[in-house]
Amino acid sequence: MAVVLVMAGAGWGQEWRPVERGDVRVSGDLGHRVMLNYSRLSEGYYEASKLEAVSPGWPGDAVGREILALTLLGEETGVESPSLGTLIGDVGKHLNQGGYLGKVLPEGVENEQYLSGHS
């Protein structure tokens, strides 16, 4: 989560305070570049079925990054990607019989990518 701080007044010694994410709008050259990126991520190349081929050894990695990118860009731009809902809905079509992405491995064999996490 990004935190934007603004000055609560002009000059030294003034207090910084956080601004809510929805209260900030990007404009100018940066805004233009953000919208170009958003448009690129909303194209057909980034469909769930195609994303799994991008990182076959990391099941769910590419599609998860795509969902995160479209969600955060949507929050920052105020524009909801038409492909985000489809992408999320399509993930379920690619789950294996165990309910997760990737190949079902033989008994006693684990894929280390299923064990990773963030704390």
N, C-alpha and C. Protein backbone atom coordinates (compact mmCIF):
# COMPACT_ATOMS: atom_id res chain seq x y z
N MET A 1 0.84 -1.16 0.00
CA MET A 1 0.00 0.00 0.00
C MET A 1 0.89 1.23 0.00
N ALA A 2 0.63 2.12 -0.92
CA ALA A 2 1.40 3.36 -1.01
C ALA A 2 0.85 4.38 -0.03
N VAL A 3 1.74 5.12 0.56
CA VAL A 3 1.32 6.19 1.45
C VAL A 3 1.79 7.50 0.86
N VAL A 4 0.88 8.40 0.67
CA VAL A 4 1.21 9.72 0.15
C VAL A 4 1.13 10.69 1.32
N LEU A 5 2.18 11.48 1.47
CA LEU A 5 2.20 12.46 2.54
C LEU A 5 2.14 13.86 1.94
N VAL A 6 1.40 14.74 2.57
CA VAL A 6 1.35 16.13 2.12
C VAL A 6 1.67 17.04 3.30
N MET A 7 2.14 18.20 2.96
CA MET A 7 2.47 19.19 3.98
C MET A 7 1.19 19.84 4.48
N ALA A 8 1.04 19.95 5.77
CA ALA A 8 -0.15 20.54 6.37
C ALA A 8 -0.05 22.06 6.43
N GLY A 9 0.86 22.62 5.74
CA GLY A 9 1.05 24.06 5.71
C GLY A 9 2.35 24.35 4.99
N ALA A 10 2.68 25.59 4.81
CA ALA A 10 3.91 25.95 4.09
C ALA A 10 5.02 26.23 5.10
N GLY A 11 6.23 25.87 4.73
CA GLY A 11 7.38 26.22 5.56
C GLY A 11 7.87 25.08 6.42
N TRP A 12 9.04 25.31 7.02
CA TRP A 12 9.66 24.31 7.88
C TRP A 12 8.88 24.15 9.17
N GLY A 13 8.97 22.99 9.74
CA GLY A 13 8.34 22.73 11.02
C GLY A 13 6.88 22.37 10.92
N GLN A 14 6.36 22.32 9.73
CA GLN A 14 4.96 21.96 9.56
C GLN A 14 4.81 20.44 9.59
N GLU A 15 3.66 19.99 9.91
CA GLU A 15 3.40 18.56 10.07
C GLU A 15 3.02 17.91 8.75
N TRP A 16 3.54 16.68 8.52
CA TRP A 16 3.15 15.88 7.37
C TRP A 16 1.99 15.00 7.80
N ARG A 17 1.06 14.75 6.90
CA ARG A 17 -0.05 13.86 7.22
C ARG A 17 -0.39 13.01 6.00
N PRO A 18 -0.90 11.79 6.22
CA PRO A 18 -1.22 10.90 5.10
C PRO A 18 -2.46 11.38 4.34
N VAL A 19 -2.49 11.06 3.07
CA VAL A 19 -3.64 11.36 2.21
C VAL A 19 -4.20 10.02 1.75
N GLU A 20 -5.49 9.89 1.78
CA GLU A 20 -6.12 8.64 1.34
C GLU A 20 -5.85 8.39 -0.14
N ARG A 21 -5.65 7.12 -0.48
CA ARG A 21 -5.34 6.75 -1.86
C ARG A 21 -6.35 7.32 -2.85
N GLY A 22 -7.62 7.23 -2.58
CA GLY A 22 -8.66 7.71 -3.49
C GLY A 22 -8.69 9.22 -3.67
N ASP A 23 -7.99 9.95 -2.81
CA ASP A 23 -7.98 11.41 -2.90
C ASP A 23 -6.88 11.94 -3.81
N VAL A 24 -6.08 11.06 -4.38
CA VAL A 24 -4.96 11.48 -5.23
C VAL A 24 -5.26 11.07 -6.67
N ARG A 25 -5.09 12.00 -7.59
CA ARG A 25 -5.25 11.71 -9.01
C ARG A 25 -3.97 12.08 -9.74
N VAL A 26 -3.50 11.19 -10.58
CA VAL A 26 -2.29 11.42 -11.35
C VAL A 26 -2.69 12.10 -12.65
N SER A 27 -1.92 13.12 -13.04
CA SER A 27 -2.22 13.83 -14.27
C SER A 27 -0.92 14.16 -15.00
N GLY A 28 -1.02 14.89 -16.08
CA GLY A 28 0.16 15.29 -16.84
C GLY A 28 0.82 14.10 -17.50
N ASP A 29 2.14 14.19 -17.69
CA ASP A 29 2.88 13.13 -18.36
C ASP A 29 2.79 11.81 -17.59
N LEU A 30 2.91 11.88 -16.27
CA LEU A 30 2.81 10.66 -15.47
C LEU A 30 1.43 10.03 -15.63
N GLY A 31 0.39 10.85 -15.60
CA GLY A 31 -0.97 10.33 -15.79
C GLY A 31 -1.14 9.67 -17.14
N HIS A 32 -0.56 10.28 -18.17
CA HIS A 32 -0.63 9.72 -19.52
C HIS A 32 0.06 8.36 -19.56
N ARG A 33 1.23 8.26 -18.96
CA ARG A 33 1.99 7.00 -18.95
C ARG A 33 1.26 5.92 -18.14
N VAL A 34 0.63 6.31 -17.04
CA VAL A 34 -0.14 5.36 -16.24
C VAL A 34 -1.29 4.79 -17.07
N MET A 35 -1.99 5.66 -17.80
CA MET A 35 -3.11 5.19 -18.61
C MET A 35 -2.65 4.31 -19.77
N LEU A 36 -1.49 4.61 -20.35
CA LEU A 36 -0.95 3.74 -21.40
C LEU A 36 -0.65 2.35 -20.84
N ASN A 37 -0.07 2.30 -19.65
CA ASN A 37 0.22 1.02 -19.00
C ASN A 37 -1.08 0.27 -18.70
N TYR A 38 -2.05 1.00 -18.21
CA TYR A 38 -3.35 0.41 -17.88
C TYR A 38 -4.01 -0.17 -19.13
N SER A 39 -3.94 0.55 -20.24
CA SER A 39 -4.50 0.06 -21.50
C SER A 39 -3.78 -1.20 -21.97
N ARG A 40 -2.46 -1.20 -21.87
CA ARG A 40 -1.67 -2.36 -22.29
C ARG A 40 -2.04 -3.59 -21.46
N LEU A 41 -2.21 -3.40 -20.16
CA LEU A 41 -2.55 -4.53 -19.29
C LEU A 41 -3.97 -5.03 -19.50
N SER A 42 -4.81 -4.24 -20.15
CA SER A 42 -6.19 -4.64 -20.40
C SER A 42 -6.38 -5.33 -21.75
N GLU A 43 -5.29 -5.52 -22.48
CA GLU A 43 -5.36 -6.16 -23.80
C GLU A 43 -5.46 -7.68 -23.68
N GLY A 44 -5.79 -8.33 -24.79
CA GLY A 44 -6.00 -9.76 -24.85
C GLY A 44 -4.81 -10.62 -24.48
N TYR A 45 -3.59 -10.09 -24.60
CA TYR A 45 -2.40 -10.87 -24.26
C TYR A 45 -2.45 -11.35 -22.81
N TYR A 46 -3.12 -10.58 -21.97
CA TYR A 46 -3.12 -10.87 -20.54
C TYR A 46 -4.35 -11.65 -20.09
N GLU A 47 -4.83 -12.57 -20.91
CA GLU A 47 -5.92 -13.45 -20.50
C GLU A 47 -5.34 -14.56 -19.62
N ALA A 48 -6.17 -15.10 -18.73
CA ALA A 48 -5.68 -16.13 -17.79
C ALA A 48 -5.03 -17.30 -18.51
N SER A 49 -5.63 -17.77 -19.60
CA SER A 49 -5.08 -18.94 -20.30
C SER A 49 -3.70 -18.63 -20.88
N LYS A 50 -3.48 -17.42 -21.32
CA LYS A 50 -2.20 -17.04 -21.89
C LYS A 50 -1.17 -16.76 -20.80
N LEU A 51 -1.62 -16.25 -19.68
CA LEU A 51 -0.69 -15.89 -18.60
C LEU A 51 -0.03 -17.13 -17.99
N GLU A 52 -0.73 -18.22 -17.92
CA GLU A 52 -0.13 -19.43 -17.35
C GLU A 52 1.04 -19.92 -18.20
N ALA A 53 0.99 -19.67 -19.49
CA ALA A 53 2.09 -20.07 -20.37
C ALA A 53 3.32 -19.19 -20.17
N VAL A 54 3.12 -17.98 -19.63
CA VAL A 54 4.22 -17.05 -19.40
C VAL A 54 5.15 -17.55 -18.31
N SER A 55 4.59 -18.15 -17.27
CA SER A 55 5.41 -18.60 -16.13
C SER A 55 4.96 -20.00 -15.70
N PRO A 56 5.20 -21.02 -16.54
CA PRO A 56 4.70 -22.37 -16.22
C PRO A 56 5.28 -22.96 -14.93
N GLY A 57 6.47 -22.58 -14.54
CA GLY A 57 7.06 -23.11 -13.32
C GLY A 57 6.59 -22.40 -12.06
N TRP A 58 5.85 -21.33 -12.24
CA TRP A 58 5.34 -20.54 -11.11
C TRP A 58 3.83 -20.43 -11.25
N PRO A 59 3.08 -21.47 -10.97
CA PRO A 59 1.64 -21.45 -11.18
C PRO A 59 0.96 -20.27 -10.47
N GLY A 60 0.19 -19.53 -11.22
CA GLY A 60 -0.55 -18.40 -10.65
C GLY A 60 0.23 -17.12 -10.54
N ASP A 61 1.54 -17.15 -10.77
CA ASP A 61 2.35 -15.95 -10.59
C ASP A 61 1.94 -14.83 -11.54
N ALA A 62 1.94 -15.11 -12.83
CA ALA A 62 1.65 -14.06 -13.82
C ALA A 62 0.22 -13.56 -13.68
N VAL A 63 -0.73 -14.47 -13.52
CA VAL A 63 -2.12 -14.04 -13.41
C VAL A 63 -2.34 -13.27 -12.10
N GLY A 64 -1.68 -13.67 -11.05
CA GLY A 64 -1.79 -12.93 -9.78
C GLY A 64 -1.22 -11.53 -9.89
N ARG A 65 -0.09 -11.40 -10.57
CA ARG A 65 0.50 -10.08 -10.77
C ARG A 65 -0.39 -9.20 -11.63
N GLU A 66 -1.02 -9.81 -12.63
CA GLU A 66 -1.92 -9.07 -13.51
C GLU A 66 -3.13 -8.55 -12.73
N ILE A 67 -3.73 -9.41 -11.92
CA ILE A 67 -4.88 -8.99 -11.10
C ILE A 67 -4.47 -7.87 -10.15
N LEU A 68 -3.32 -8.00 -9.52
CA LEU A 68 -2.84 -6.96 -8.61
C LEU A 68 -2.61 -5.64 -9.35
N ALA A 69 -1.94 -5.71 -10.51
CA ALA A 69 -1.65 -4.50 -11.28
C ALA A 69 -2.93 -3.80 -11.71
N LEU A 70 -3.90 -4.54 -12.25
CA LEU A 70 -5.15 -3.93 -12.70
C LEU A 70 -5.94 -3.36 -11.53
N THR A 71 -5.90 -4.03 -10.39
CA THR A 71 -6.61 -3.54 -9.21
C THR A 71 -6.00 -2.23 -8.71
N LEU A 72 -4.68 -2.19 -8.56
CA LEU A 72 -4.02 -0.98 -8.08
C LEU A 72 -4.14 0.17 -9.07
N LEU A 73 -3.97 -0.12 -10.36
CA LEU A 73 -4.13 0.94 -11.36
C LEU A 73 -5.56 1.46 -11.39
N GLY A 74 -6.52 0.56 -11.20
CA GLY A 74 -7.92 0.99 -11.13
C GLY A 74 -8.17 1.92 -9.96
N GLU A 75 -7.58 1.60 -8.82
CA GLU A 75 -7.72 2.48 -7.64
C GLU A 75 -7.08 3.84 -7.89
N GLU A 76 -5.94 3.85 -8.54
CA GLU A 76 -5.22 5.10 -8.76
C GLU A 76 -5.84 5.97 -9.85
N THR A 77 -6.42 5.33 -10.87
CA THR A 77 -6.96 6.09 -12.00
C THR A 77 -8.45 6.34 -11.88
N GLY A 78 -9.14 5.55 -11.06
CA GLY A 78 -10.59 5.66 -10.98
C GLY A 78 -11.29 4.99 -12.14
N VAL A 79 -10.54 4.24 -12.95
CA VAL A 79 -11.09 3.55 -14.12
C VAL A 79 -11.02 2.05 -13.86
N GLU A 80 -12.16 1.38 -13.96
CA GLU A 80 -12.17 -0.07 -13.76
C GLU A 80 -11.91 -0.77 -15.08
N SER A 81 -10.97 -1.67 -15.08
CA SER A 81 -10.62 -2.41 -16.29
C SER A 81 -11.75 -3.37 -16.64
N PRO A 82 -12.21 -3.33 -17.90
CA PRO A 82 -13.24 -4.28 -18.29
C PRO A 82 -12.73 -5.72 -18.28
N SER A 83 -11.43 -5.90 -18.36
CA SER A 83 -10.89 -7.26 -18.40
C SER A 83 -10.64 -7.84 -17.01
N LEU A 84 -10.67 -7.02 -15.96
CA LEU A 84 -10.36 -7.52 -14.62
C LEU A 84 -11.36 -8.57 -14.15
N GLY A 85 -12.63 -8.29 -14.28
CA GLY A 85 -13.65 -9.25 -13.86
C GLY A 85 -13.58 -10.55 -14.65
N THR A 86 -13.33 -10.42 -15.94
CA THR A 86 -13.19 -11.60 -16.79
C THR A 86 -11.97 -12.41 -16.38
N LEU A 87 -10.87 -11.71 -16.13
CA LEU A 87 -9.63 -12.38 -15.72
C LEU A 87 -9.84 -13.15 -14.43
N ILE A 88 -10.46 -12.51 -13.45
CA ILE A 88 -10.71 -13.18 -12.17
C ILE A 88 -11.64 -14.38 -12.37
N GLY A 89 -12.68 -14.20 -13.18
CA GLY A 89 -13.60 -15.30 -13.45
C GLY A 89 -12.95 -16.45 -14.19
N ASP A 90 -12.02 -16.14 -15.08
CA ASP A 90 -11.35 -17.17 -15.87
C ASP A 90 -10.35 -17.99 -15.06
N VAL A 91 -9.86 -17.45 -13.97
CA VAL A 91 -8.90 -18.21 -13.16
C VAL A 91 -9.51 -19.53 -12.72
N GLY A 92 -10.77 -19.52 -12.33
CA GLY A 92 -11.44 -20.74 -11.89
C GLY A 92 -11.49 -21.82 -12.94
N LYS A 93 -11.45 -21.44 -14.21
CA LYS A 93 -11.48 -22.42 -15.30
C LYS A 93 -10.16 -23.16 -15.44
N HIS A 94 -9.12 -22.67 -14.79
CA HIS A 94 -7.79 -23.26 -14.93
C HIS A 94 -7.31 -23.98 -13.67
N LEU A 95 -8.21 -24.14 -12.71
CA LEU A 95 -7.83 -24.84 -11.48
C LEU A 95 -7.81 -26.34 -11.73
N ASN A 96 -6.88 -27.02 -11.09
CA ASN A 96 -6.85 -28.47 -11.21
C ASN A 96 -7.82 -29.09 -10.21
N GLN A 97 -7.87 -30.42 -10.17
CA GLN A 97 -8.84 -31.08 -9.28
C GLN A 97 -8.58 -30.82 -7.81
N GLY A 98 -7.39 -30.34 -7.47
CA GLY A 98 -7.10 -29.98 -6.08
C GLY A 98 -7.53 -28.56 -5.73
N GLY A 99 -7.98 -27.80 -6.75
CA GLY A 99 -8.47 -26.45 -6.50
C GLY A 99 -7.41 -25.37 -6.58
N TYR A 100 -6.26 -25.70 -7.17
CA TYR A 100 -5.21 -24.70 -7.31
C TYR A 100 -4.65 -24.72 -8.72
N LEU A 101 -3.84 -23.74 -9.05
CA LEU A 101 -3.24 -23.66 -10.38
C LEU A 101 -2.01 -24.53 -10.46
N GLY A 102 -1.73 -25.04 -11.64
CA GLY A 102 -0.54 -25.86 -11.84
C GLY A 102 -0.88 -27.33 -11.94
N LYS A 103 0.15 -28.11 -12.13
CA LYS A 103 -0.02 -29.56 -12.29
C LYS A 103 -0.21 -30.23 -10.94
N VAL A 104 -0.97 -31.31 -10.96
CA VAL A 104 -1.09 -32.15 -9.77
C VAL A 104 0.15 -33.02 -9.73
N LEU A 105 0.84 -32.97 -8.62
CA LEU A 105 2.10 -33.71 -8.49
C LEU A 105 1.85 -35.07 -7.82
N PRO A 106 2.75 -36.01 -8.06
CA PRO A 106 2.61 -37.33 -7.42
C PRO A 106 2.66 -37.22 -5.89
N GLU A 107 2.09 -38.17 -5.25
CA GLU A 107 2.08 -38.23 -3.78
C GLU A 107 3.50 -38.09 -3.24
N GLY A 108 3.69 -37.23 -2.26
CA GLY A 108 5.00 -37.04 -1.62
C GLY A 108 5.90 -36.06 -2.33
N VAL A 109 5.48 -35.52 -3.47
CA VAL A 109 6.28 -34.54 -4.21
C VAL A 109 5.61 -33.17 -4.05
N GLU A 110 6.40 -32.18 -3.74
CA GLU A 110 5.87 -30.83 -3.55
C GLU A 110 6.55 -29.86 -4.49
N ASN A 111 5.83 -28.87 -4.92
CA ASN A 111 6.39 -27.77 -5.70
C ASN A 111 6.67 -26.64 -4.71
N GLU A 112 7.92 -26.22 -4.62
CA GLU A 112 8.27 -25.20 -3.64
C GLU A 112 7.48 -23.90 -3.85
N GLN A 113 6.99 -23.68 -5.07
CA GLN A 113 6.25 -22.44 -5.33
C GLN A 113 4.91 -22.42 -4.60
N TYR A 114 4.38 -23.59 -4.26
CA TYR A 114 3.13 -23.65 -3.51
C TYR A 114 3.35 -23.35 -2.04
N LEU A 115 4.60 -23.40 -1.61
CA LEU A 115 4.90 -23.24 -0.19
C LEU A 115 5.36 -21.82 0.15
N SER A 116 5.61 -21.00 -0.86
CA SER A 116 6.12 -19.66 -0.59
C SER A 116 5.01 -18.76 -0.05
N GLY A 117 5.39 -17.72 0.60
CA GLY A 117 4.42 -16.77 1.14
C GLY A 117 5.13 -15.50 1.56
N HIS A 118 4.35 -14.54 1.93
CA HIS A 118 4.89 -13.25 2.39
C HIS A 118 4.41 -13.00 3.80
N SER A 119 5.27 -12.45 4.58
CA SER A 119 4.86 -12.14 5.95
C SER A 119 5.12 -10.68 6.24
